[in-house]
Amino acid sequence: MPAAEQQLTTQNLVRLTSRPKSANDTLRFVFVGDCQRFYDEAEDFVASVNKQRNIDFVIIAGDISDFGLVREMRWVHHRLRKLNVPYLTVIGNHDQVGNGRAVYQSVFGPLNYSFVYGGTKFICLDTNGREHGFQGQVPNLGWLGQQLADTANSRRSIVLCHVPPTDEDFDPALALAYARTIRGSSQLVFHLAGHIHRFTNGQPFHDGVPYLTAYNFRKRRYTVLSVWGRRQFNLETVAYAPAL
């Protein structure tokens, strides 16, 4: 595999940070998930996003592949690399089929990572509990709590994962503790996830924390999220048609 197609998370973060953004500016990014197998849709998605103005980057909420194969991840990357902005991912349950976890780590990078951009800390983690046998270790609540507590250089936080804590594929023994950890952050804007292939926006734990899920590529829709101020945000749905 060419070096240019390895450690894509690091490569895209380098691209992103080469475009510094003030914490006082509005942050705008695209939120979508589950692109596995939808290669034609991925090409149309790229064409649509490239027409949007003032987008900082794209978030893919997991399931880049269907069977955890390196060629699947490369096929998706060959399309997404045509985006005018960087894209960042989290690992999904389908990405962990077979030896997919190791493949993902080679192609994209760490399963848990964080970064600060435009005054916002993005905390990206593996929540695919079923793929880890519901052993009480995934998601890593200790790491998540540390990341949320460390607010240096940021004024807002956003958590991104694949399986939302309300789903049966999330480790049931950890769901409530996960929600408590999330709500303990005073600067959290919202929680983002994929996996269920449709957009939702609710407060399932009735604690004031918005939990959003993403359209998958098959829906030919994505969400543009704008974030500003302390925790203000706006949602915009964009639909795109097949190329003629």
Protein backbone atom coordinates (compact mmCIF):
# COMPACT_ATOMS: atom_id res chain seq x y z
CA MET A 1 0.00 0.00 0.00
CA PRO A 2 1.49 3.39 -0.97
CA ALA A 3 2.64 5.61 1.89
CA ALA A 4 0.26 8.29 0.63
CA GLU A 5 -2.62 5.96 1.51
CA GLN A 6 -1.50 5.18 5.06
CA GLN A 7 -2.20 7.07 8.30
CA LEU A 8 -4.80 9.21 6.59
CA THR A 9 -6.03 10.72 9.86
CA THR A 10 -2.61 12.24 10.50
CA GLN A 11 -2.36 13.43 6.90
CA ASN A 12 -5.77 15.07 6.99
CA LEU A 13 -5.11 16.72 10.35
CA VAL A 14 -1.93 18.22 8.89
CA ARG A 15 -4.00 19.58 5.99
CA LEU A 16 -6.62 20.92 8.39
CA THR A 17 -4.23 22.66 10.74
CA SER A 18 -2.48 24.28 7.78
CA ARG A 19 -5.66 26.37 7.54
CA PRO A 20 -5.80 28.00 11.00
CA LYS A 21 -9.21 29.15 12.21
CA SER A 22 -9.96 31.54 15.04
CA ALA A 23 -12.12 30.31 17.91
CA ASN A 24 -14.25 33.40 17.31
CA ASP A 25 -15.11 32.34 13.76
CA THR A 26 -18.04 30.08 12.88
CA LEU A 27 -16.96 26.49 12.32
CA ARG A 28 -18.75 24.66 9.47
CA PHE A 29 -18.32 20.98 8.72
CA VAL A 30 -20.15 18.18 6.90
CA PHE A 31 -21.50 15.25 8.93
CA VAL A 32 -22.32 11.93 7.20
CA GLY A 33 -21.79 8.23 7.87
CA ASP A 34 -21.74 4.69 6.56
CA CYS A 35 -20.33 5.00 3.06
CA GLN A 36 -19.58 1.28 2.59
CA ARG A 37 -20.42 -0.07 -0.87
CA PHE A 38 -21.91 3.24 -2.06
CA TYR A 39 -19.13 4.21 -4.44
CA ASP A 40 -21.28 6.01 -7.03
CA GLU A 41 -22.95 7.95 -4.24
CA ALA A 42 -19.51 8.83 -2.85
CA GLU A 43 -18.50 10.45 -6.14
CA ASP A 44 -21.71 12.49 -6.21
CA PHE A 45 -21.23 13.37 -2.54
CA VAL A 46 -17.78 14.78 -3.28
CA ALA A 47 -19.14 16.85 -6.17
CA SER A 48 -21.88 18.26 -3.94
CA VAL A 49 -19.62 19.09 -0.97
CA ASN A 50 -17.13 20.81 -3.27
CA LYS A 51 -19.90 23.21 -4.29
CA GLN A 52 -20.57 24.25 -0.66
CA ARG A 53 -19.04 27.46 0.60
CA ASN A 54 -16.95 27.87 3.74
CA ILE A 55 -16.79 24.18 4.68
CA ASP A 56 -13.82 23.46 6.95
CA PHE A 57 -13.76 19.66 6.77
CA VAL A 58 -15.88 16.50 6.46
CA ILE A 59 -16.65 13.94 9.18
CA ILE A 60 -17.39 10.31 8.24
CA ALA A 61 -19.07 8.60 11.22
CA GLY A 62 -17.71 5.10 10.59
CA ASP A 63 -18.31 2.07 8.37
CA ILE A 64 -16.05 3.18 5.59
CA SER A 65 -15.95 -0.46 4.48
CA ASP A 66 -18.39 -3.37 4.51
CA PHE A 67 -15.97 -6.23 5.24
CA GLY A 68 -12.96 -4.49 6.78
CA LEU A 69 -10.91 -4.95 3.60
CA VAL A 70 -8.04 -2.69 2.70
CA ARG A 71 -9.22 -2.41 -0.88
CA GLU A 72 -12.64 -1.18 0.26
CA MET A 73 -11.06 1.56 2.37
CA ARG A 74 -8.78 2.52 -0.50
CA TRP A 75 -11.70 2.65 -2.96
CA VAL A 76 -13.52 5.07 -0.66
CA HIS A 77 -10.37 7.12 -0.11
CA HIS A 78 -9.77 7.35 -3.86
CA ARG A 79 -13.08 9.18 -4.07
CA LEU A 80 -12.91 11.25 -0.88
CA ARG A 81 -9.40 12.49 -1.63
CA LYS A 82 -11.02 14.60 -4.36
CA LEU A 83 -12.75 16.69 -1.69
CA ASN A 84 -11.53 20.28 -1.53
CA VAL A 85 -11.27 19.94 2.26
CA PRO A 86 -9.81 17.28 4.57
CA TYR A 87 -11.97 14.42 5.84
CA LEU A 88 -11.77 12.62 9.18
CA THR A 89 -13.24 9.30 10.29
CA VAL A 90 -14.03 7.03 13.21
CA ILE A 91 -14.03 3.25 13.02
CA GLY A 92 -17.36 1.46 12.51
CA ASN A 93 -18.46 -2.07 13.30
CA HIS A 94 -18.19 -3.16 9.65
CA ASP A 95 -14.64 -1.81 9.56
CA GLN A 96 -13.75 -4.39 12.22
CA VAL A 97 -14.85 -7.51 10.32
CA GLY A 98 -12.03 -10.06 10.12
CA ASN A 99 -8.74 -8.25 10.64
CA GLY A 100 -10.38 -4.95 9.71
CA ARG A 101 -9.37 -3.29 12.97
CA ALA A 102 -5.70 -3.64 12.07
CA VAL A 103 -6.44 -2.57 8.49
CA TYR A 104 -8.24 0.55 9.72
CA GLN A 105 -5.31 1.41 12.00
CA SER A 106 -2.95 1.08 9.07
CA VAL A 107 -5.03 3.05 6.57
CA PHE A 108 -6.51 5.69 8.90
CA GLY A 109 -4.78 5.53 12.28
CA PRO A 110 -5.74 5.41 15.98
CA LEU A 111 -9.13 4.10 17.09
CA ASN A 112 -9.35 6.86 19.72
CA TYR A 113 -7.96 10.33 19.04
CA SER A 114 -8.77 13.99 19.53
CA PHE A 115 -7.88 17.30 17.95
CA VAL A 116 -8.66 20.99 18.46
CA TYR A 117 -9.69 23.18 15.55
CA GLY A 118 -11.35 26.58 15.60
CA GLY A 119 -11.56 26.49 19.40
CA THR A 120 -13.48 23.19 19.29
CA LYS A 121 -12.16 19.92 20.64
CA PHE A 122 -13.28 16.87 18.66
CA ILE A 123 -13.10 13.62 20.63
CA CYS A 124 -13.31 10.61 18.29
CA LEU A 125 -13.59 7.12 19.75
CA ASP A 126 -14.41 3.49 19.13
CA THR A 127 -17.85 2.58 20.54
CA ASN A 128 -18.30 -0.73 18.71
CA GLY A 129 -18.81 -2.75 21.89
CA ARG A 130 -20.27 -5.82 20.22
CA GLU A 131 -17.14 -6.23 18.06
CA HIS A 132 -15.13 -6.35 21.31
CA GLY A 133 -17.41 -8.97 22.88
CA PHE A 134 -19.08 -6.56 25.32
CA GLN A 135 -16.08 -6.92 27.63
CA GLY A 136 -16.63 -3.59 29.36
CA GLN A 137 -13.59 -1.95 27.76
CA VAL A 138 -15.11 -0.29 24.66
CA PRO A 139 -15.78 2.58 24.68
CA ASN A 140 -12.85 3.53 26.88
CA LEU A 141 -14.64 5.66 29.46
CA GLY A 142 -11.45 6.59 31.30
CA TRP A 143 -9.90 8.03 28.14
CA LEU A 144 -13.15 9.80 27.23
CA GLY A 145 -13.39 11.40 30.68
CA GLN A 146 -9.79 12.60 30.49
CA GLN A 147 -10.36 14.10 27.05
CA LEU A 148 -13.50 15.92 28.15
CA ALA A 149 -11.78 17.22 31.30
CA ASP A 150 -8.81 18.56 29.35
CA THR A 151 -10.19 21.82 27.97
CA ALA A 152 -6.86 23.53 27.28
CA ASN A 153 -6.97 25.61 24.09
CA SER A 154 -10.67 24.89 23.48
CA ARG A 155 -13.97 26.52 24.38
CA ARG A 156 -16.28 23.80 23.01
CA SER A 157 -16.23 20.00 22.74
CA ILE A 158 -17.89 17.56 20.34
CA VAL A 159 -17.87 13.76 20.72
CA LEU A 160 -17.89 11.60 17.57
CA CYS A 161 -18.35 7.83 17.36
CA HIS A 162 -20.04 5.16 15.21
CA VAL A 163 -22.48 3.21 17.41
CA PRO A 164 -24.67 5.55 19.50
CA PRO A 165 -25.17 4.62 23.17
CA THR A 166 -28.87 3.91 22.58
CA ASP A 167 -28.14 1.10 20.10
CA GLU A 168 -28.03 -2.63 20.89
CA ASP A 169 -24.50 -2.84 19.44
CA PHE A 170 -23.24 -0.48 22.18
CA ASP A 171 -22.02 -2.31 25.31
CA PRO A 172 -25.18 -2.20 27.51
CA ALA A 173 -23.12 -2.32 30.70
CA LEU A 174 -21.48 0.99 29.75
CA ALA A 175 -24.31 2.99 28.20
CA LEU A 176 -25.47 4.88 31.30
CA ALA A 177 -21.93 5.53 32.52
CA TYR A 178 -21.07 6.80 29.03
CA ALA A 179 -24.02 9.21 29.11
CA ARG A 180 -23.00 10.42 32.59
CA THR A 181 -19.47 11.06 31.36
CA ILE A 182 -20.79 12.99 28.37
CA ARG A 183 -23.17 15.17 30.38
CA GLY A 184 -20.39 15.95 32.85
CA SER A 185 -18.73 18.18 30.26
CA SER A 186 -19.67 21.83 30.66
CA GLN A 187 -18.53 22.70 27.15
CA LEU A 188 -20.06 19.87 25.14
CA VAL A 189 -22.03 21.09 22.10
CA PHE A 190 -23.47 17.74 20.95
CA HIS A 191 -22.75 14.04 20.41
CA LEU A 192 -22.43 12.66 16.86
CA ALA A 193 -22.77 9.04 15.67
CA GLY A 194 -23.55 6.95 12.59
CA HIS A 195 -24.59 3.30 12.32
CA ILE A 196 -28.39 3.64 12.05
CA HIS A 197 -28.26 5.13 8.52
CA ARG A 198 -30.64 8.03 9.14
CA PHE A 199 -30.52 11.49 10.60
CA THR A 200 -31.91 11.91 14.11
CA ASN A 201 -31.64 14.72 16.64
CA GLY A 202 -32.86 14.06 20.16
CA GLN A 203 -32.03 13.95 23.85
CA PRO A 204 -32.47 10.24 24.66
CA PHE A 205 -31.13 10.57 28.20
CA HIS A 206 -33.26 13.66 28.98
CA ASP A 207 -30.22 15.51 30.23
CA GLY A 208 -30.04 18.41 27.80
CA VAL A 209 -27.35 16.78 25.63
CA PRO A 210 -28.25 16.65 21.90
CA TYR A 211 -27.43 13.28 20.29
CA LEU A 212 -27.33 13.42 16.48
CA THR A 213 -26.98 10.55 14.01
CA ALA A 214 -25.97 10.79 10.36
CA TYR A 215 -27.50 9.96 7.01
CA ASN A 216 -25.68 7.19 5.22
CA PHE A 217 -24.40 7.67 1.67
CA ARG A 218 -27.30 5.75 0.18
CA LYS A 219 -29.70 8.49 1.34
CA ARG A 220 -27.86 11.03 -0.84
CA ARG A 221 -28.16 13.53 1.97
CA TYR A 222 -25.74 15.00 4.47
CA THR A 223 -25.84 17.54 7.26
CA VAL A 224 -23.86 20.78 7.42
CA LEU A 225 -23.23 21.73 11.04
CA SER A 226 -22.32 25.30 11.93
CA VAL A 227 -20.96 25.94 15.44
CA TRP A 228 -20.22 29.30 17.05
CA GLY A 229 -20.21 31.11 20.38
CA ARG A 230 -20.12 29.00 23.50
CA ARG A 231 -22.40 26.18 22.37
CA GLN A 232 -24.63 27.57 19.62
CA PHE A 233 -25.13 25.50 16.51
CA ASN A 234 -27.25 25.25 13.36
CA LEU A 235 -28.20 22.27 11.16
CA GLU A 236 -28.70 22.27 7.40
CA THR A 237 -29.66 19.22 5.33
CA VAL A 238 -28.24 19.03 1.80
CA ALA A 239 -29.66 16.59 -0.77
CA TYR A 240 -27.81 15.71 -3.96
CA ALA A 241 -28.88 13.90 -7.13
CA PRO A 242 -26.97 11.34 -9.21
CA ALA A 243 -24.66 12.83 -11.81
CA LEU A 244 -26.23 12.98 -15.27
